[in-house]
Amino acid sequence: MSNTNKSQQEEINKIQQKYIPQKQEDKMELLRRLDKSVKQPGRTTSLTVGIISSLFLGVAMALIMELQSFMILGVLLGMIGLIGMIAAYPIYKSMTNEQRKKLAPQIIKLSNELKK
């Protein structure tokens, strides 16, 4: 077999792999993916709330320090920012617990199958 035939065979194999249906995800990978998906929504939401709240706090500090005529607005924005930052962790815990309850039967069933 010459080099051109060999390189053609490799190219044919690469093209063929694109059209062969992918094998199904094995059970351990599925279990890992489900476990990871429990925390993801809560983490994303709490990070978003925390970042937006810290921006509110930053704007409030700027208003209070630089524009004293906007002190009341600055204090209100600061309070909103602090409340949001304090609420970020309880939001995370709440959403994670909801996801845990929702996915628990599926994760337990799958983990019991893998233990056998």
PDB file of N, CA and C in Angstrom:
ATOM      1  N   MET A   1       0.847  -1.166   0.000  1.00  0.00           N
ATOM      2  CA  MET A   1       0.000   0.000   0.000  1.00  0.00           C
ATOM      3  C   MET A   1       0.903   1.243   0.000  1.00  0.00           C
ATOM      4  N   SER A   2       0.677   2.150  -0.911  1.00  0.00           N
ATOM      5  CA  SER A   2       1.512   3.352  -0.992  1.00  0.00           C
ATOM      6  C   SER A   2       1.021   4.408  -0.016  1.00  0.00           C
ATOM      7  N   ASN A   3       1.820   5.478   0.122  1.00  0.00           N
ATOM      8  CA  ASN A   3       1.483   6.566   1.044  1.00  0.00           C
ATOM      9  C   ASN A   3       0.170   7.244   0.687  1.00  0.00           C
ATOM     10  N   THR A   4      -0.113   7.408  -0.586  1.00  0.00           N
ATOM     11  CA  THR A   4      -1.362   8.063  -0.985  1.00  0.00           C
ATOM     12  C   THR A   4      -2.551   7.209  -0.589  1.00  0.00           C
ATOM     13  N   ASN A   5      -2.428   5.906  -0.778  1.00  0.00           N
ATOM     14  CA  ASN A   5      -3.530   5.032  -0.379  1.00  0.00           C
ATOM     15  C   ASN A   5      -3.720   5.062   1.131  1.00  0.00           C
ATOM     16  N   LYS A   6      -2.622   5.087   1.864  1.00  0.00           N
ATOM     17  CA  LYS A   6      -2.698   5.117   3.322  1.00  0.00           C
ATOM     18  C   LYS A   6      -3.326   6.424   3.795  1.00  0.00           C
ATOM     19  N   SER A   7      -2.892   7.548   3.228  1.00  0.00           N
ATOM     20  CA  SER A   7      -3.461   8.842   3.626  1.00  0.00           C
ATOM     21  C   SER A   7      -4.927   8.927   3.200  1.00  0.00           C
ATOM     22  N   GLN A   8      -5.262   8.335   2.053  1.00  0.00           N
ATOM     23  CA  GLN A   8      -6.661   8.316   1.631  1.00  0.00           C
ATOM     24  C   GLN A   8      -7.505   7.484   2.594  1.00  0.00           C
ATOM     25  N   GLN A   9      -6.964   6.367   3.020  1.00  0.00           N
ATOM     26  CA  GLN A   9      -7.690   5.513   3.958  1.00  0.00           C
ATOM     27  C   GLN A   9      -7.941   6.255   5.286  1.00  0.00           C
ATOM     28  N   GLU A  10      -6.917   6.984   5.759  1.00  0.00           N
ATOM     29  CA  GLU A  10      -7.084   7.760   6.991  1.00  0.00           C
ATOM     30  C   GLU A  10      -8.156   8.830   6.822  1.00  0.00           C
ATOM     31  N   GLU A  11      -8.141   9.495   5.675  1.00  0.00           N
ATOM     32  CA  GLU A  11      -9.145  10.534   5.417  1.00  0.00           C
ATOM     33  C   GLU A  11     -10.538   9.923   5.323  1.00  0.00           C
ATOM     34  N   ILE A  12     -10.641   8.768   4.689  1.00  0.00           N
ATOM     35  CA  ILE A  12     -11.929   8.075   4.579  1.00  0.00           C
ATOM     36  C   ILE A  12     -12.435   7.708   5.975  1.00  0.00           C
ATOM     37  N   ASN A  13     -11.540   7.208   6.812  1.00  0.00           N
ATOM     38  CA  ASN A  13     -11.928   6.848   8.184  1.00  0.00           C
ATOM     39  C   ASN A  13     -12.398   8.060   8.981  1.00  0.00           C
ATOM     40  N   LYS A  14     -11.708   9.201   8.835  1.00  0.00           N
ATOM     41  CA  LYS A  14     -12.112  10.420   9.549  1.00  0.00           C
ATOM     42  C   LYS A  14     -13.498  10.871   9.100  1.00  0.00           C
ATOM     43  N   ILE A  15     -13.722  10.843   7.802  1.00  0.00           N
ATOM     44  CA  ILE A  15     -15.039  11.242   7.279  1.00  0.00           C
ATOM     45  C   ILE A  15     -16.109  10.273   7.752  1.00  0.00           C
ATOM     46  N   GLN A  16     -15.800   9.002   7.721  1.00  0.00           N
ATOM     47  CA  GLN A  16     -16.766   7.987   8.145  1.00  0.00           C
ATOM     48  C   GLN A  16     -17.145   8.152   9.608  1.00  0.00           C
ATOM     49  N   GLN A  17     -16.186   8.500  10.463  1.00  0.00           N
ATOM     50  CA  GLN A  17     -16.454   8.680  11.897  1.00  0.00           C
ATOM     51  C   GLN A  17     -17.468   9.787  12.153  1.00  0.00           C
ATOM     52  N   LYS A  18     -17.531  10.778  11.270  1.00  0.00           N
ATOM     53  CA  LYS A  18     -18.493  11.864  11.432  1.00  0.00           C
ATOM     54  C   LYS A  18     -19.929  11.381  11.285  1.00  0.00           C
ATOM     55  N   TYR A  19     -20.127  10.308  10.537  1.00  0.00           N
ATOM     56  CA  TYR A  19     -21.479   9.863  10.214  1.00  0.00           C
ATOM     57  C   TYR A  19     -21.920   8.603  10.955  1.00  0.00           C
ATOM     58  N   ILE A  20     -21.013   8.021  11.716  1.00  0.00           N
ATOM     59  CA  ILE A  20     -21.370   6.870  12.540  1.00  0.00           C
ATOM     60  C   ILE A  20     -22.018   7.406  13.809  1.00  0.00           C
ATOM     61  N   PRO A  21     -23.175   6.890  14.201  1.00  0.00           N
ATOM     62  CA  PRO A  21     -23.810   7.390  15.427  1.00  0.00           C
ATOM     63  C   PRO A  21     -22.880   7.209  16.623  1.00  0.00           C
ATOM     64  N   GLN A  22     -22.823   8.230  17.455  1.00  0.00           N
ATOM     65  CA  GLN A  22     -21.959   8.186  18.632  1.00  0.00           C
ATOM     66  C   GLN A  22     -22.494   7.154  19.620  1.00  0.00           C
ATOM     67  N   LYS A  23     -21.555   6.496  20.291  1.00  0.00           N
ATOM     68  CA  LYS A  23     -21.983   5.524  21.283  1.00  0.00           C
ATOM     69  C   LYS A  23     -22.655   6.266  22.438  1.00  0.00           C
ATOM     70  N   GLN A  24     -23.546   5.590  23.098  1.00  0.00           N
ATOM     71  CA  GLN A  24     -24.267   6.222  24.189  1.00  0.00           C
ATOM     72  C   GLN A  24     -23.325   6.466  25.363  1.00  0.00           C
ATOM     73  N   GLU A  25     -23.644   7.511  26.087  1.00  0.00           N
ATOM     74  CA  GLU A  25     -22.862   7.892  27.251  1.00  0.00           C
ATOM     75  C   GLU A  25     -22.920   6.753  28.271  1.00  0.00           C
ATOM     76  N   ASP A  26     -21.761   6.356  28.807  1.00  0.00           N
ATOM     77  CA  ASP A  26     -21.792   5.274  29.778  1.00  0.00           C
ATOM     78  C   ASP A  26     -22.385   5.783  31.098  1.00  0.00           C
ATOM     79  N   LYS A  27     -22.776   4.859  31.935  1.00  0.00           N
ATOM     80  CA  LYS A  27     -23.524   5.198  33.146  1.00  0.00           C
ATOM     81  C   LYS A  27     -22.716   6.035  34.123  1.00  0.00           C
ATOM     82  N   MET A  28     -21.429   5.798  34.213  1.00  0.00           N
ATOM     83  CA  MET A  28     -20.602   6.574  35.138  1.00  0.00           C
ATOM     84  C   MET A  28     -20.510   8.026  34.683  1.00  0.00           C
ATOM     85  N   GLU A  29     -20.359   8.249  33.400  1.00  0.00           N
ATOM     86  CA  GLU A  29     -20.318   9.616  32.870  1.00  0.00           C
ATOM     87  C   GLU A  29     -21.654  10.317  33.088  1.00  0.00           C
ATOM     88  N   LEU A  30     -22.729   9.580  32.907  1.00  0.00           N
ATOM     89  CA  LEU A  30     -24.055  10.146  33.139  1.00  0.00           C
ATOM     90  C   LEU A  30     -24.224  10.526  34.605  1.00  0.00           C
ATOM     91  N   LEU A  31     -23.743   9.669  35.514  1.00  0.00           N
ATOM     92  CA  LEU A  31     -23.827   9.960  36.944  1.00  0.00           C
ATOM     93  C   LEU A  31     -23.014  11.212  37.290  1.00  0.00           C
ATOM     94  N   ARG A  32     -21.821  11.344  36.733  1.00  0.00           N
ATOM     95  CA  ARG A  32     -20.996  12.537  36.971  1.00  0.00           C
ATOM     96  C   ARG A  32     -21.680  13.797  36.448  1.00  0.00           C
ATOM     97  N   ARG A  33     -22.266  13.691  35.255  1.00  0.00           N
ATOM     98  CA  ARG A  33     -22.928  14.845  34.652  1.00  0.00           C
ATOM     99  C   ARG A  33     -24.145  15.264  35.467  1.00  0.00           C
ATOM    100  N   LEU A  34     -24.914  14.293  35.947  1.00  0.00           N
ATOM    101  CA  LEU A  34     -26.077  14.608  36.785  1.00  0.00           C
ATOM    102  C   LEU A  34     -25.652  15.250  38.101  1.00  0.00           C
ATOM    103  N   ASP A  35     -24.588  14.719  38.698  1.00  0.00           N
ATOM    104  CA  ASP A  35     -24.098  15.275  39.958  1.00  0.00           C
ATOM    105  C   ASP A  35     -23.639  16.718  39.770  1.00  0.00           C
ATOM    106  N   LYS A  36     -22.964  16.983  38.677  1.00  0.00           N
ATOM    107  CA  LYS A  36     -22.505  18.340  38.392  1.00  0.00           C
ATOM    108  C   LYS A  36     -23.682  19.279  38.128  1.00  0.00           C
ATOM    109  N   SER A  37     -24.730  18.766  37.501  1.00  0.00           N
ATOM    110  CA  SER A  37     -25.873  19.617  37.153  1.00  0.00           C
ATOM    111  C   SER A  37     -26.705  20.009  38.367  1.00  0.00           C
ATOM    112  N   VAL A  38     -26.466  19.376  39.515  1.00  0.00           N
ATOM    113  CA  VAL A  38     -27.199  19.737  40.732  1.00  0.00           C
ATOM    114  C   VAL A  38     -26.791  21.139  41.188  1.00  0.00           C
ATOM    115  N   LYS A  39     -25.521  21.460  41.140  1.00  0.00           N
ATOM    116  CA  LYS A  39     -25.021  22.728  41.675  1.00  0.00           C
ATOM    117  C   LYS A  39     -25.027  23.864  40.655  1.00  0.00           C
ATOM    118  N   GLN A  40     -25.021  23.558  39.387  1.00  0.00           N
ATOM    119  CA  GLN A  40     -24.817  24.577  38.363  1.00  0.00           C
ATOM    120  C   GLN A  40     -25.868  25.691  38.356  1.00  0.00           C
ATOM    121  N   PRO A  41     -27.175  25.415  38.379  1.00  0.00           N
ATOM    122  CA  PRO A  41     -28.146  26.520  38.336  1.00  0.00           C
ATOM    123  C   PRO A  41     -28.034  27.463  39.535  1.00  0.00           C
ATOM    124  N   GLY A  42     -27.858  26.905  40.725  1.00  0.00           N
ATOM    125  CA  GLY A  42     -27.719  27.731  41.917  1.00  0.00           C
ATOM    126  C   GLY A  42     -26.459  28.573  41.882  1.00  0.00           C
ATOM    127  N   ARG A  43     -25.376  27.976  41.399  1.00  0.00           N
ATOM    128  CA  ARG A  43     -24.109  28.693  41.326  1.00  0.00           C
ATOM    129  C   ARG A  43     -24.218  29.867  40.351  1.00  0.00           C
ATOM    130  N   THR A  44     -24.802  29.624  39.198  1.00  0.00           N
ATOM    131  CA  THR A  44     -24.936  30.677  38.197  1.00  0.00           C
ATOM    132  C   THR A  44     -25.810  31.819  38.700  1.00  0.00           C
ATOM    133  N   THR A  45     -26.946  31.484  39.292  1.00  0.00           N
ATOM    134  CA  THR A  45     -27.858  32.508  39.787  1.00  0.00           C
ATOM    135  C   THR A  45     -27.241  33.306  40.925  1.00  0.00           C
ATOM    136  N   SER A  46     -26.617  32.624  41.878  1.00  0.00           N
ATOM    137  CA  SER A  46     -26.044  33.346  43.021  1.00  0.00           C
ATOM    138  C   SER A  46     -24.870  34.218  42.596  1.00  0.00           C
ATOM    139  N   LEU A  47     -24.069  33.760  41.649  1.00  0.00           N
ATOM    140  CA  LEU A  47     -22.984  34.606  41.148  1.00  0.00           C
ATOM    141  C   LEU A  47     -23.536  35.846  40.450  1.00  0.00           C
ATOM    142  N   THR A  48     -24.575  35.670  39.670  1.00  0.00           N
ATOM    143  CA  THR A  48     -25.192  36.806  38.984  1.00  0.00           C
ATOM    144  C   THR A  48     -25.740  37.814  39.987  1.00  0.00           C
ATOM    145  N   VAL A  49     -26.462  37.321  40.993  1.00  0.00           N
ATOM    146  CA  VAL A  49     -27.009  38.209  42.032  1.00  0.00           C
ATOM    147  C   VAL A  49     -25.881  38.906  42.775  1.00  0.00           C
ATOM    148  N   GLY A  50     -24.839  38.183  43.128  1.00  0.00           N
ATOM    149  CA  GLY A  50     -23.719  38.763  43.858  1.00  0.00           C
ATOM    150  C   GLY A  50     -22.979  39.824  43.055  1.00  0.00           C
ATOM    151  N   ILE A  51     -22.757  39.566  41.788  1.00  0.00           N
ATOM    152  CA  ILE A  51     -22.033  40.526  40.941  1.00  0.00           C
ATOM    153  C   ILE A  51     -22.863  41.789  40.742  1.00  0.00           C
ATOM    154  N   ILE A  52     -24.150  41.634  40.437  1.00  0.00           N
ATOM    155  CA  ILE A  52     -25.011  42.804  40.245  1.00  0.00           C
ATOM    156  C   ILE A  52     -25.116  43.594  41.548  1.00  0.00           C
ATOM    157  N   SER A  53     -25.220  42.901  42.663  1.00  0.00           N
ATOM    158  CA  SER A  53     -25.311  43.574  43.961  1.00  0.00           C
ATOM    159  C   SER A  53     -24.042  44.346  44.282  1.00  0.00           C
ATOM    160  N   SER A  54     -22.889  43.773  43.964  1.00  0.00           N
ATOM    161  CA  SER A  54     -21.645  44.488  44.222  1.00  0.00           C
ATOM    162  C   SER A  54     -21.515  45.723  43.325  1.00  0.00           C
ATOM    163  N   LEU A  55     -22.073  45.648  42.123  1.00  0.00           N
ATOM    164  CA  LEU A  55     -22.085  46.831  41.260  1.00  0.00           C
ATOM    165  C   LEU A  55     -22.970  47.930  41.860  1.00  0.00           C
ATOM    166  N   PHE A  56     -24.128  47.526  42.394  1.00  0.00           N
ATOM    167  CA  PHE A  56     -24.991  48.491  43.087  1.00  0.00           C
ATOM    168  C   PHE A  56     -24.231  49.149  44.236  1.00  0.00           C
ATOM    169  N   LEU A  57     -23.515  48.351  44.997  1.00  0.00           N
ATOM    170  CA  LEU A  57     -22.759  48.872  46.129  1.00  0.00           C
ATOM    171  C   LEU A  57     -21.670  49.833  45.661  1.00  0.00           C
ATOM    172  N   GLY A  58     -21.010  49.509  44.574  1.00  0.00           N
ATOM    173  CA  GLY A  58     -19.977  50.385  44.033  1.00  0.00           C
ATOM    174  C   GLY A  58     -20.534  51.720  43.563  1.00  0.00           C
ATOM    175  N   VAL A  59     -21.664  51.668  42.872  1.00  0.00           N
ATOM    176  CA  VAL A  59     -22.312  52.903  42.426  1.00  0.00           C
ATOM    177  C   VAL A  59     -22.733  53.726  43.637  1.00  0.00           C
ATOM    178  N   ALA A  60     -23.245  53.059  44.656  1.00  0.00           N
ATOM    179  CA  ALA A  60     -23.665  53.760  45.871  1.00  0.00           C
ATOM    180  C   ALA A  60     -22.479  54.458  46.527  1.00  0.00           C
ATOM    181  N   MET A  61     -21.354  53.783  46.606  1.00  0.00           N
ATOM    182  CA  MET A  61     -20.166  54.399  47.209  1.00  0.00           C
ATOM    183  C   MET A  61     -19.723  55.617  46.409  1.00  0.00           C
ATOM    184  N   ALA A  62     -19.770  55.514  45.093  1.00  0.00           N
ATOM    185  CA  ALA A  62     -19.381  56.643  44.251  1.00  0.00           C
ATOM    186  C   ALA A  62     -20.327  57.826  44.455  1.00  0.00           C
ATOM    187  N   LEU A  63     -21.620  57.544  44.524  1.00  0.00           N
ATOM    188  CA  LEU A  63     -22.590  58.619  44.741  1.00  0.00           C
ATOM    189  C   LEU A  63     -22.371  59.303  46.085  1.00  0.00           C
ATOM    190  N   ILE A  64     -22.140  58.525  47.115  1.00  0.00           N
ATOM    191  CA  ILE A  64     -21.974  59.091  48.461  1.00  0.00           C
ATOM    192  C   ILE A  64     -20.681  59.894  48.558  1.00  0.00           C
ATOM    193  N   MET A  65     -19.599  59.381  48.000  1.00  0.00           N
ATOM    194  CA  MET A  65     -18.305  60.058  48.168  1.00  0.00           C
ATOM    195  C   MET A  65     -18.116  61.236  47.216  1.00  0.00           C
ATOM    196  N   GLU A  66     -18.596  61.117  45.997  1.00  0.00           N
ATOM    197  CA  GLU A  66     -18.324  62.154  45.002  1.00  0.00           C
ATOM    198  C   GLU A  66     -19.467  63.155  44.836  1.00  0.00           C
ATOM    199  N   LEU A  67     -20.681  62.697  44.938  1.00  0.00           N
ATOM    200  CA  LEU A  67     -21.838  63.570  44.722  1.00  0.00           C
ATOM    201  C   LEU A  67     -22.694  63.576  45.985  1.00  0.00           C
ATOM    202  N   GLN A  68     -22.311  64.415  46.941  1.00  0.00           N
ATOM    203  CA  GLN A  68     -23.007  64.408  48.222  1.00  0.00           C
ATOM    204  C   GLN A  68     -24.485  64.772  48.087  1.00  0.00           C
ATOM    205  N   SER A  69     -24.862  65.419  47.009  1.00  0.00           N
ATOM    206  CA  SER A  69     -26.267  65.767  46.825  1.00  0.00           C
ATOM    207  C   SER A  69     -27.120  64.523  46.548  1.00  0.00           C
ATOM    208  N   PHE A  70     -26.474  63.406  46.182  1.00  0.00           N
ATOM    209  CA  PHE A  70     -27.182  62.148  45.916  1.00  0.00           C
ATOM    210  C   PHE A  70     -26.973  61.145  47.044  1.00  0.00           C
ATOM    211  N   MET A  71     -26.736  61.641  48.248  1.00  0.00           N
ATOM    212  CA  MET A  71     -26.413  60.761  49.370  1.00  0.00           C
ATOM    213  C   MET A  71     -27.566  59.797  49.681  1.00  0.00           C
ATOM    214  N   ILE A  72     -28.806  60.281  49.672  1.00  0.00           N
ATOM    215  CA  ILE A  72     -29.947  59.414  49.987  1.00  0.00           C
ATOM    216  C   ILE A  72     -30.060  58.299  48.946  1.00  0.00           C
ATOM    217  N   LEU A  73     -29.915  58.657  47.679  1.00  0.00           N
ATOM    218  CA  LEU A  73     -29.941  57.639  46.620  1.00  0.00           C
ATOM    219  C   LEU A  73     -28.789  56.654  46.800  1.00  0.00           C
ATOM    220  N   GLY A  74     -27.627  57.172  47.166  1.00  0.00           N
ATOM    221  CA  GLY A  74     -26.473  56.306  47.391  1.00  0.00           C
ATOM    222  C   GLY A  74     -26.697  55.333  48.529  1.00  0.00           C
ATOM    223  N   VAL A  75     -27.290  55.807  49.608  1.00  0.00           N
ATOM    224  CA  VAL A  75     -27.560  54.931  50.749  1.00  0.00           C
ATOM    225  C   VAL A  75     -28.574  53.858  50.361  1.00  0.00           C
ATOM    226  N   LEU A  76     -29.610  54.249  49.614  1.00  0.00           N
ATOM    227  CA  LEU A  76     -30.616  53.266  49.182  1.00  0.00           C
ATOM    228  C   LEU A  76     -29.996  52.210  48.261  1.00  0.00           C
ATOM    229  N   LEU A  77     -29.196  52.656  47.307  1.00  0.00           N
ATOM    230  CA  LEU A  77     -28.536  51.705  46.405  1.00  0.00           C
ATOM    231  C   LEU A  77     -27.563  50.808  47.178  1.00  0.00           C
ATOM    232  N   GLY A  78     -26.893  51.377  48.154  1.00  0.00           N
ATOM    233  CA  GLY A  78     -25.981  50.598  48.980  1.00  0.00           C
ATOM    234  C   GLY A  78     -26.705  49.523  49.765  1.00  0.00           C
ATOM    235  N   MET A  79     -27.860  49.877  50.300  1.00  0.00           N
ATOM    236  CA  MET A  79     -28.653  48.883  51.043  1.00  0.00           C
ATOM    237  C   MET A  79     -29.130  47.769  50.119  1.00  0.00           C
ATOM    238  N   ILE A  80     -29.556  48.136  48.921  1.00  0.00           N
ATOM    239  CA  ILE A  80     -29.977  47.115  47.943  1.00  0.00           C
ATOM    240  C   ILE A  80     -28.798  46.205  47.619  1.00  0.00           C
ATOM    241  N   GLY A  81     -27.626  46.805  47.413  1.00  0.00           N
ATOM    242  CA  GLY A  81     -26.430  46.008  47.114  1.00  0.00           C
ATOM    243  C   GLY A  81     -26.059  45.070  48.244  1.00  0.00           C
ATOM    244  N   LEU A  82     -26.110  45.561  49.468  1.00  0.00           N
ATOM    245  CA  LEU A  82     -25.773  44.713  50.620  1.00  0.00           C
ATOM    246  C   LEU A  82     -26.772  43.578  50.788  1.00  0.00           C
ATOM    247  N   ILE A  83     -28.053  43.886  50.642  1.00  0.00           N
ATOM    248  CA  ILE A  83     -29.080  42.844  50.768  1.00  0.00           C
ATOM    249  C   ILE A  83     -28.884  41.774  49.699  1.00  0.00           C
ATOM    250  N   GLY A  84     -28.590  42.206  48.480  1.00  0.00           N
ATOM    251  CA  GLY A  84     -28.346  41.241  47.400  1.00  0.00           C
ATOM    252  C   GLY A  84     -27.134  40.366  47.655  1.00  0.00           C
ATOM    253  N   MET A  85     -26.069  40.983  48.174  1.00  0.00           N
ATOM    254  CA  MET A  85     -24.859  40.209  48.456  1.00  0.00           C
ATOM    255  C   MET A  85     -25.098  39.212  49.584  1.00  0.00           C
ATOM    256  N   ILE A  86     -25.863  39.624  50.583  1.00  0.00           N
ATOM    257  CA  ILE A  86     -26.179  38.716  51.687  1.00  0.00           C
ATOM    258  C   ILE A  86     -27.093  37.586  51.206  1.00  0.00           C
ATOM    259  N   ALA A  87     -27.968  37.883  50.258  1.00  0.00           N
ATOM    260  CA  ALA A  87     -28.939  36.887  49.783  1.00  0.00           C
ATOM    261  C   ALA A  87     -28.333  35.879  48.808  1.00  0.00           C
ATOM    262  N   ALA A  88     -27.163  36.160  48.266  1.00  0.00           N
ATOM    263  CA  ALA A  88     -26.588  35.288  47.235  1.00  0.00           C
ATOM    264  C   ALA A  88     -26.381  33.856  47.733  1.00  0.00           C
ATOM    265  N   TYR A  89     -25.833  33.689  48.916  1.00  0.00           N
ATOM    266  CA  TYR A  89     -25.582  32.325  49.409  1.00  0.00           C
ATOM    267  C   TYR A  89     -26.876  31.568  49.719  1.00  0.00           C
ATOM    268  N   PRO A  90     -27.853  32.170  50.402  1.00  0.00           N
ATOM    269  CA  PRO A  90     -29.113  31.444  50.588  1.00  0.00           C
ATOM    270  C   PRO A  90     -29.804  31.075  49.266  1.00  0.00           C
ATOM    271  N   ILE A  91     -29.666  31.914  48.268  1.00  0.00           N
ATOM    272  CA  ILE A  91     -30.211  31.580  46.941  1.00  0.00           C
ATOM    273  C   ILE A  91     -29.526  30.334  46.405  1.00  0.00           C
ATOM    274  N   TYR A  92     -28.210  30.295  46.519  1.00  0.00           N
ATOM    275  CA  TYR A  92     -27.448  29.126  46.061  1.00  0.00           C
ATOM    276  C   TYR A  92     -27.899  27.860  46.783  1.00  0.00           C
ATOM    277  N   LYS A  93     -27.981  27.926  48.118  1.00  0.00           N
ATOM    278  CA  LYS A  93     -28.373  26.748  48.900  1.00  0.00           C
ATOM    279  C   LYS A  93     -29.773  26.287  48.532  1.00  0.00           C
ATOM    280  N   SER A  94     -30.695  27.233  48.397  1.00  0.00           N
ATOM    281  CA  SER A  94     -32.083  26.899  48.081  1.00  0.00           C
ATOM    282  C   SER A  94     -32.193  26.226  46.712  1.00  0.00           C
ATOM    283  N   MET A  95     -31.559  26.814  45.718  1.00  0.00           N
ATOM    284  CA  MET A  95     -31.644  26.243  44.369  1.00  0.00           C
ATOM    285  C   MET A  95     -30.947  24.889  44.290  1.00  0.00           C
ATOM    286  N   THR A  96     -29.833  24.734  44.995  1.00  0.00           N
ATOM    287  CA  THR A  96     -29.117  23.460  44.994  1.00  0.00           C
ATOM    288  C   THR A  96     -29.958  22.375  45.658  1.00  0.00           C
ATOM    289  N   ASN A  97     -30.617  22.701  46.774  1.00  0.00           N
ATOM    290  CA  ASN A  97     -31.474  21.726  47.448  1.00  0.00           C
ATOM    291  C   ASN A  97     -32.660  21.325  46.574  1.00  0.00           C
ATOM    292  N   GLU A  98     -33.231  22.288  45.842  1.00  0.00           N
ATOM    293  CA  GLU A  98     -34.328  21.964  44.925  1.00  0.00           C
ATOM    294  C   GLU A  98     -33.867  21.005  43.845  1.00  0.00           C
ATOM    295  N   GLN A  99     -32.710  21.294  43.246  1.00  0.00           N
ATOM    296  CA  GLN A  99     -32.171  20.422  42.206  1.00  0.00           C
ATOM    297  C   GLN A  99     -31.850  19.036  42.759  1.00  0.00           C
ATOM    298  N   ARG A 100     -31.324  18.992  43.984  1.00  0.00           N
ATOM    299  CA  ARG A 100     -31.006  17.713  44.620  1.00  0.00           C
ATOM    300  C   ARG A 100     -32.260  16.867  44.764  1.00  0.00           C
ATOM    301  N   LYS A 101     -33.340  17.482  45.259  1.00  0.00           N
ATOM    302  CA  LYS A 101     -34.602  16.755  45.416  1.00  0.00           C
ATOM    303  C   LYS A 101     -35.131  16.284  44.075  1.00  0.00           C
ATOM    304  N   LYS A 102     -34.985  17.124  43.073  1.00  0.00           N
ATOM    305  CA  LYS A 102     -35.502  16.809  41.740  1.00  0.00           C
ATOM    306  C   LYS A 102     -34.734  15.651  41.094  1.00  0.00           C
ATOM    307  N   LEU A 103     -33.410  15.644  41.244  1.00  0.00           N
ATOM    308  CA  LEU A 103     -32.583  14.642  40.573  1.00  0.00           C
ATOM    309  C   LEU A 103     -32.213  13.448  41.447  1.00  0.00           C
ATOM    310  N   ALA A 104     -32.554  13.492  42.721  1.00  0.00           N
ATOM    311  CA  ALA A 104     -32.163  12.420  43.644  1.00  0.00           C
ATOM    312  C   ALA A 104     -32.622  11.032  43.191  1.00  0.00           C
ATOM    313  N   PRO A 105     -33.890  10.843  42.816  1.00  0.00           N
ATOM    314  CA  PRO A 105     -34.289   9.489  42.415  1.00  0.00           C
ATOM    315  C   PRO A 105     -33.481   8.941  41.241  1.00  0.00           C
ATOM    316  N   GLN A 106     -33.224   9.797  40.269  1.00  0.00           N
ATOM    317  CA  GLN A 106     -32.472   9.362  39.092  1.00  0.00           C
ATOM    318  C   GLN A 106     -31.021   9.048  39.464  1.00  0.00           C
ATOM    319  N   ILE A 107     -30.410   9.874  40.297  1.00  0.00           N
ATOM    320  CA  ILE A 107     -29.019   9.653  40.695  1.00  0.00           C
ATOM    321  C   ILE A 107     -28.906   8.404  41.565  1.00  0.00           C
ATOM    322  N   ILE A 108     -29.828   8.207  42.491  1.00  0.00           N
ATOM    323  CA  ILE A 108     -29.782   7.025  43.356  1.00  0.00           C
ATOM    324  C   ILE A 108     -29.983   5.756  42.543  1.00  0.00           C
ATOM    325  N   LYS A 109     -30.935   5.777  41.616  1.00  0.00           N
ATOM    326  CA  LYS A 109     -31.184   4.597  40.765  1.00  0.00           C
ATOM    327  C   LYS A 109     -29.936   4.260  39.956  1.00  0.00           C
ATOM    328  N   LEU A 110     -29.343   5.276  39.367  1.00  0.00           N
ATOM    329  CA  LEU A 110     -28.162   5.051  38.540  1.00  0.00           C
ATOM    330  C   LEU A 110     -26.971   4.577  39.373  1.00  0.00           C
ATOM    331  N   SER A 111     -26.785   5.156  40.561  1.00  0.00           N
ATOM    332  CA  SER A 111     -25.666   4.734  41.394  1.00  0.00           C
ATOM    333  C   SER A 111     -25.858   3.316  41.916  1.00  0.00           C
ATOM    334  N   ASN A 112     -27.115   2.925  42.215  1.00  0.00           N
ATOM    335  CA  ASN A 112     -27.384   1.544  42.628  1.00  0.00           C
ATOM    336  C   ASN A 112     -27.093   0.567  41.487  1.00  0.00           C
ATOM    337  N   GLU A 113     -27.410   0.947  40.265  1.00  0.00           N
ATOM    338  CA  GLU A 113     -27.096   0.095  39.100  1.00  0.00           C
ATOM    339  C   GLU A 113     -25.587  -0.092  38.965  1.00  0.00           C
ATOM    340  N   LEU A 114     -24.837   0.978  39.212  1.00  0.00           N
ATOM    341  CA  LEU A 114     -23.378   0.891  39.064  1.00  0.00           C
ATOM    342  C   LEU A 114     -22.739   0.077  40.190  1.00  0.00           C
ATOM    343  N   LYS A 115     -23.354   0.027  41.365  1.00  0.00           N
ATOM    344  CA  LYS A 115     -22.796  -0.745  42.475  1.00  0.00           C
ATOM    345  C   LYS A 115     -22.896  -2.243  42.252  1.00  0.00           C
ATOM    346  N   LYS A 116     -23.865  -2.670  41.474  1.00  0.00           N
ATOM    347  CA  LYS A 116     -24.085  -4.107  41.252  1.00  0.00           C
ATOM    348  C   LYS A 116     -22.949  -4.743  40.513  1.00  0.00           C
TER     349      LYS A 116
END
